[in-house]
N, C-alpha and C. Protein backbone atom coordinates (compact mmCIF):
# COMPACT_ATOMS: atom_id res chain seq x y z
N MET A 1 -14.42 -16.91 -16.01
CA MET A 1 -14.81 -15.71 -16.72
C MET A 1 -15.33 -16.10 -18.08
N SER A 2 -16.48 -15.60 -18.40
CA SER A 2 -17.02 -15.92 -19.70
C SER A 2 -17.43 -14.64 -20.41
N PRO A 3 -16.79 -14.38 -21.53
CA PRO A 3 -17.15 -13.18 -22.28
C PRO A 3 -18.47 -13.39 -22.99
N GLU A 4 -18.88 -12.36 -23.74
CA GLU A 4 -20.18 -12.38 -24.40
C GLU A 4 -20.36 -13.57 -25.31
N SER A 5 -19.28 -14.09 -25.89
CA SER A 5 -19.40 -15.22 -26.81
C SER A 5 -19.84 -16.50 -26.09
N GLY A 6 -19.74 -16.51 -24.75
CA GLY A 6 -20.16 -17.67 -23.99
C GLY A 6 -19.03 -18.65 -23.73
N ASN A 7 -17.88 -18.49 -24.36
CA ASN A 7 -16.74 -19.37 -24.13
C ASN A 7 -15.91 -18.84 -22.97
N ALA A 8 -15.29 -19.76 -22.24
CA ALA A 8 -14.37 -19.34 -21.18
C ALA A 8 -13.22 -18.60 -21.83
N ALA A 9 -12.79 -17.53 -21.19
CA ALA A 9 -11.72 -16.72 -21.77
C ALA A 9 -10.64 -16.48 -20.72
N THR A 10 -9.47 -16.24 -21.22
CA THR A 10 -8.36 -15.86 -20.38
C THR A 10 -8.13 -14.38 -20.62
N PRO A 11 -7.91 -13.61 -19.56
CA PRO A 11 -7.65 -12.18 -19.76
C PRO A 11 -6.38 -11.98 -20.59
N THR A 12 -6.38 -10.90 -21.37
CA THR A 12 -5.17 -10.56 -22.11
C THR A 12 -4.11 -10.14 -21.11
N PRO A 13 -2.84 -10.09 -21.52
CA PRO A 13 -1.81 -9.63 -20.59
C PRO A 13 -2.11 -8.23 -20.03
N ARG A 14 -2.63 -7.31 -20.86
CA ARG A 14 -2.93 -5.96 -20.38
C ARG A 14 -4.11 -5.99 -19.40
N GLU A 15 -5.13 -6.81 -19.70
CA GLU A 15 -6.25 -6.92 -18.76
C GLU A 15 -5.78 -7.49 -17.44
N ARG A 16 -4.93 -8.48 -17.49
CA ARG A 16 -4.40 -9.09 -16.27
C ARG A 16 -3.61 -8.05 -15.46
N GLU A 17 -2.84 -7.23 -16.16
CA GLU A 17 -2.06 -6.19 -15.48
C GLU A 17 -2.97 -5.18 -14.78
N LEU A 18 -4.01 -4.73 -15.47
CA LEU A 18 -4.95 -3.80 -14.86
C LEU A 18 -5.69 -4.45 -13.70
N MET A 19 -6.10 -5.70 -13.88
CA MET A 19 -6.81 -6.41 -12.82
C MET A 19 -5.94 -6.53 -11.57
N MET A 20 -4.64 -6.78 -11.76
CA MET A 20 -3.73 -6.89 -10.63
C MET A 20 -3.63 -5.56 -9.88
N LEU A 21 -3.52 -4.46 -10.64
CA LEU A 21 -3.39 -3.15 -10.00
C LEU A 21 -4.69 -2.75 -9.29
N ILE A 22 -5.82 -3.10 -9.87
CA ILE A 22 -7.10 -2.84 -9.22
C ILE A 22 -7.19 -3.67 -7.93
N ALA A 23 -6.77 -4.93 -8.01
CA ALA A 23 -6.80 -5.81 -6.83
C ALA A 23 -5.89 -5.30 -5.73
N ARG A 24 -4.83 -4.59 -6.11
CA ARG A 24 -3.94 -3.98 -5.12
C ARG A 24 -4.52 -2.70 -4.53
N GLY A 25 -5.70 -2.29 -5.03
CA GLY A 25 -6.39 -1.13 -4.47
C GLY A 25 -5.96 0.20 -5.07
N MET A 26 -5.29 0.16 -6.21
CA MET A 26 -4.80 1.40 -6.80
C MET A 26 -5.93 2.18 -7.46
N GLN A 27 -5.82 3.50 -7.39
CA GLN A 27 -6.77 4.39 -8.07
C GLN A 27 -6.39 4.53 -9.53
N ASN A 28 -7.34 4.99 -10.34
CA ASN A 28 -7.10 5.11 -11.78
C ASN A 28 -5.87 5.97 -12.09
N LYS A 29 -5.70 7.08 -11.37
CA LYS A 29 -4.56 7.95 -11.68
C LYS A 29 -3.24 7.25 -11.38
N ASN A 30 -3.21 6.42 -10.33
CA ASN A 30 -2.00 5.68 -10.01
C ASN A 30 -1.74 4.56 -11.01
N ILE A 31 -2.81 3.92 -11.46
CA ILE A 31 -2.69 2.88 -12.48
C ILE A 31 -2.16 3.51 -13.76
N ALA A 32 -2.71 4.67 -14.12
CA ALA A 32 -2.26 5.38 -15.33
C ALA A 32 -0.78 5.70 -15.25
N HIS A 33 -0.34 6.18 -14.10
CA HIS A 33 1.08 6.50 -13.92
C HIS A 33 1.95 5.24 -14.01
N GLU A 34 1.50 4.18 -13.35
CA GLU A 34 2.24 2.92 -13.34
C GLU A 34 2.41 2.34 -14.75
N LEU A 35 1.35 2.46 -15.57
CA LEU A 35 1.37 1.86 -16.90
C LEU A 35 1.75 2.85 -18.00
N SER A 36 1.99 4.10 -17.61
CA SER A 36 2.33 5.17 -18.57
C SER A 36 1.26 5.35 -19.64
N ILE A 37 0.00 5.37 -19.17
CA ILE A 37 -1.13 5.63 -20.06
C ILE A 37 -1.99 6.70 -19.40
N SER A 38 -2.98 7.22 -20.13
CA SER A 38 -3.85 8.26 -19.56
C SER A 38 -4.92 7.63 -18.68
N GLU A 39 -5.50 8.46 -17.81
CA GLU A 39 -6.61 7.98 -16.96
C GLU A 39 -7.79 7.57 -17.83
N ASN A 40 -8.01 8.28 -18.94
CA ASN A 40 -9.11 7.91 -19.84
C ASN A 40 -8.90 6.51 -20.40
N THR A 41 -7.66 6.17 -20.72
CA THR A 41 -7.36 4.83 -21.23
C THR A 41 -7.59 3.79 -20.14
N VAL A 42 -7.23 4.12 -18.91
CA VAL A 42 -7.48 3.20 -17.78
C VAL A 42 -8.98 2.95 -17.66
N ARG A 43 -9.77 4.03 -17.69
CA ARG A 43 -11.23 3.88 -17.58
C ARG A 43 -11.78 3.03 -18.73
N ALA A 44 -11.24 3.25 -19.93
CA ALA A 44 -11.69 2.47 -21.08
C ALA A 44 -11.38 0.99 -20.89
N HIS A 45 -10.16 0.69 -20.43
CA HIS A 45 -9.79 -0.71 -20.17
C HIS A 45 -10.70 -1.34 -19.12
N ILE A 46 -10.95 -0.60 -18.04
CA ILE A 46 -11.80 -1.12 -16.96
C ILE A 46 -13.21 -1.38 -17.49
N GLY A 47 -13.74 -0.45 -18.27
CA GLY A 47 -15.07 -0.65 -18.86
C GLY A 47 -15.11 -1.87 -19.76
N ASN A 48 -14.04 -2.06 -20.54
CA ASN A 48 -13.97 -3.24 -21.42
C ASN A 48 -13.94 -4.53 -20.62
N ILE A 49 -13.17 -4.54 -19.55
CA ILE A 49 -13.09 -5.74 -18.69
C ILE A 49 -14.46 -6.03 -18.09
N MET A 50 -15.13 -5.00 -17.59
CA MET A 50 -16.44 -5.21 -16.97
C MET A 50 -17.46 -5.72 -17.98
N ARG A 51 -17.45 -5.15 -19.18
CA ARG A 51 -18.39 -5.64 -20.21
C ARG A 51 -18.06 -7.05 -20.65
N LYS A 52 -16.78 -7.29 -20.89
CA LYS A 52 -16.35 -8.59 -21.41
C LYS A 52 -16.71 -9.73 -20.45
N TYR A 53 -16.55 -9.48 -19.16
CA TYR A 53 -16.77 -10.53 -18.17
C TYR A 53 -18.06 -10.34 -17.37
N HIS A 54 -18.91 -9.40 -17.81
CA HIS A 54 -20.21 -9.16 -17.18
C HIS A 54 -20.06 -8.83 -15.69
N LEU A 55 -19.17 -7.92 -15.38
CA LEU A 55 -18.94 -7.48 -14.00
C LEU A 55 -19.58 -6.12 -13.79
N GLN A 56 -19.80 -5.78 -12.53
CA GLN A 56 -20.49 -4.53 -12.23
C GLN A 56 -19.62 -3.52 -11.49
N ASN A 57 -18.50 -3.95 -10.93
CA ASN A 57 -17.67 -3.00 -10.19
C ASN A 57 -16.23 -3.50 -10.06
N ARG A 58 -15.38 -2.62 -9.51
CA ARG A 58 -13.96 -2.91 -9.35
C ARG A 58 -13.72 -4.07 -8.38
N THR A 59 -14.57 -4.20 -7.38
CA THR A 59 -14.40 -5.27 -6.41
C THR A 59 -14.53 -6.62 -7.10
N GLN A 60 -15.46 -6.74 -8.01
CA GLN A 60 -15.63 -7.99 -8.74
C GLN A 60 -14.40 -8.26 -9.61
N ILE A 61 -13.81 -7.22 -10.17
CA ILE A 61 -12.57 -7.39 -10.95
C ILE A 61 -11.49 -7.97 -10.05
N ALA A 62 -11.36 -7.43 -8.84
CA ALA A 62 -10.34 -7.91 -7.89
C ALA A 62 -10.61 -9.37 -7.50
N ILE A 63 -11.88 -9.73 -7.32
CA ILE A 63 -12.22 -11.10 -6.97
C ILE A 63 -11.86 -12.05 -8.10
N ILE A 64 -12.22 -11.67 -9.31
CA ILE A 64 -11.88 -12.50 -10.47
C ILE A 64 -10.37 -12.68 -10.58
N PHE A 65 -9.62 -11.59 -10.38
CA PHE A 65 -8.16 -11.68 -10.43
C PHE A 65 -7.65 -12.65 -9.37
N ALA A 66 -8.19 -12.56 -8.17
CA ALA A 66 -7.76 -13.46 -7.08
C ALA A 66 -8.06 -14.91 -7.44
N LEU A 67 -9.24 -15.16 -8.00
CA LEU A 67 -9.58 -16.53 -8.40
C LEU A 67 -8.70 -17.03 -9.53
N GLU A 68 -8.38 -16.15 -10.48
CA GLU A 68 -7.53 -16.55 -11.61
C GLU A 68 -6.10 -16.86 -11.18
N THR A 69 -5.61 -16.17 -10.19
CA THR A 69 -4.21 -16.34 -9.79
C THR A 69 -4.02 -17.32 -8.64
N ALA A 70 -5.12 -17.74 -8.03
CA ALA A 70 -5.03 -18.68 -6.92
C ALA A 70 -4.62 -20.07 -7.41
N THR A 71 -4.00 -20.82 -6.54
CA THR A 71 -3.67 -22.21 -6.87
C THR A 71 -4.98 -22.98 -6.99
N PRO A 72 -5.00 -24.07 -7.74
CA PRO A 72 -6.25 -24.83 -7.89
C PRO A 72 -6.85 -25.25 -6.55
N THR A 73 -6.03 -25.62 -5.60
CA THR A 73 -6.53 -26.04 -4.29
C THR A 73 -7.20 -24.88 -3.58
N LEU A 74 -6.54 -23.71 -3.58
CA LEU A 74 -7.11 -22.54 -2.93
C LEU A 74 -8.37 -22.08 -3.65
N ARG A 75 -8.36 -22.10 -4.98
CA ARG A 75 -9.54 -21.70 -5.75
C ARG A 75 -10.72 -22.58 -5.42
N ARG A 76 -10.49 -23.89 -5.35
CA ARG A 76 -11.55 -24.83 -5.01
C ARG A 76 -12.08 -24.55 -3.60
N ALA A 77 -11.18 -24.30 -2.68
CA ALA A 77 -11.58 -24.00 -1.30
C ALA A 77 -12.39 -22.71 -1.23
N MET A 78 -11.97 -21.69 -1.99
CA MET A 78 -12.70 -20.42 -1.99
C MET A 78 -14.10 -20.59 -2.57
N LEU A 79 -14.20 -21.35 -3.64
CA LEU A 79 -15.50 -21.53 -4.29
C LEU A 79 -16.42 -22.45 -3.50
N ASN A 80 -15.87 -23.39 -2.74
CA ASN A 80 -16.67 -24.34 -1.98
C ASN A 80 -16.79 -23.96 -0.51
N SER A 81 -16.28 -22.81 -0.15
CA SER A 81 -16.25 -22.40 1.25
C SER A 81 -17.65 -22.24 1.82
N GLN A 82 -17.76 -22.57 3.10
CA GLN A 82 -19.03 -22.37 3.80
C GLN A 82 -19.36 -20.89 3.89
N TYR A 83 -18.33 -20.03 3.75
CA TYR A 83 -18.56 -18.59 3.83
C TYR A 83 -19.04 -18.04 2.49
N CYS A 84 -19.04 -18.85 1.49
CA CYS A 84 -19.43 -18.40 0.15
C CYS A 84 -20.70 -19.14 -0.25
N SER A 85 -21.78 -18.86 0.44
CA SER A 85 -23.02 -19.59 0.18
C SER A 85 -23.72 -19.09 -1.07
N GLU A 86 -23.40 -17.89 -1.54
CA GLU A 86 -23.98 -17.35 -2.75
C GLU A 86 -22.92 -17.33 -3.84
N PRO A 87 -23.30 -17.35 -5.12
CA PRO A 87 -22.32 -17.24 -6.19
C PRO A 87 -21.50 -15.96 -6.03
N VAL A 88 -20.22 -16.06 -6.33
CA VAL A 88 -19.31 -14.95 -6.09
C VAL A 88 -19.72 -13.68 -6.80
N LEU A 89 -20.17 -13.76 -8.04
CA LEU A 89 -20.44 -12.55 -8.81
C LEU A 89 -21.89 -12.10 -8.79
N GLU A 90 -22.72 -12.78 -8.06
CA GLU A 90 -24.11 -12.37 -7.98
C GLU A 90 -24.23 -11.19 -7.02
N PRO A 91 -24.83 -10.07 -7.46
CA PRO A 91 -24.99 -8.94 -6.55
C PRO A 91 -25.98 -9.29 -5.46
N ARG A 92 -25.69 -8.85 -4.28
CA ARG A 92 -26.61 -9.06 -3.15
C ARG A 92 -27.68 -7.98 -3.18
N PRO A 93 -28.89 -8.32 -2.76
CA PRO A 93 -29.93 -7.29 -2.73
C PRO A 93 -29.52 -6.21 -1.74
N THR A 94 -29.77 -4.99 -2.12
CA THR A 94 -29.41 -3.89 -1.21
C THR A 94 -30.64 -3.47 -0.44
N ARG A 95 -30.38 -2.95 0.72
CA ARG A 95 -31.50 -2.49 1.54
C ARG A 95 -31.25 -1.01 1.80
N ALA A 96 -32.30 -0.28 1.91
CA ALA A 96 -32.17 1.15 2.11
C ALA A 96 -31.37 1.43 3.36
N ARG A 97 -30.54 2.45 3.29
CA ARG A 97 -29.72 2.83 4.42
C ARG A 97 -30.63 3.18 5.60
N ASN A 98 -30.28 2.69 6.75
CA ASN A 98 -31.01 2.93 8.00
C ASN A 98 -32.45 2.40 7.94
N SER A 99 -32.68 1.37 7.13
CA SER A 99 -34.04 0.84 7.04
C SER A 99 -34.45 0.13 8.33
N HIS A 100 -33.47 -0.18 9.16
CA HIS A 100 -33.77 -0.86 10.42
C HIS A 100 -34.18 0.14 11.52
N VAL A 101 -34.01 1.42 11.23
CA VAL A 101 -34.34 2.45 12.24
C VAL A 101 -35.79 2.86 12.05
N ARG A 102 -36.52 2.79 13.15
CA ARG A 102 -37.92 3.19 13.09
C ARG A 102 -38.04 4.68 13.40
N THR A 103 -38.91 5.33 12.67
CA THR A 103 -39.14 6.74 12.96
C THR A 103 -40.39 6.86 13.80
N VAL A 104 -40.40 7.85 14.62
CA VAL A 104 -41.56 8.09 15.47
C VAL A 104 -42.46 9.08 14.76
N SER A 105 -43.68 8.65 14.50
CA SER A 105 -44.61 9.58 13.84
C SER A 105 -45.29 10.44 14.87
N GLU A 106 -45.53 11.67 14.50
CA GLU A 106 -46.11 12.63 15.46
C GLU A 106 -47.60 12.61 15.45
């Protein structure tokens, strides 16, 4: 994870806590209840995490959390896996929904 300064950073304890709850699939209202904070505060924390680490969505937050908490051996295997041919955080190009379906012109 590299914040805007360009240096590798470690998430703060609160960021790590939010990342863990996001990785567990919790919704903002459940995270807010768990941490005894408002949903607006949860959204603010999530926005800060995404900006700080240049992420685009909650799934990427969960991936980063998994990589941060994995053992070095598992982390290396995940990053070097044959199933991970593209960089983990690079968005894949999207294709229009049903673009493979041909329409019949009249």
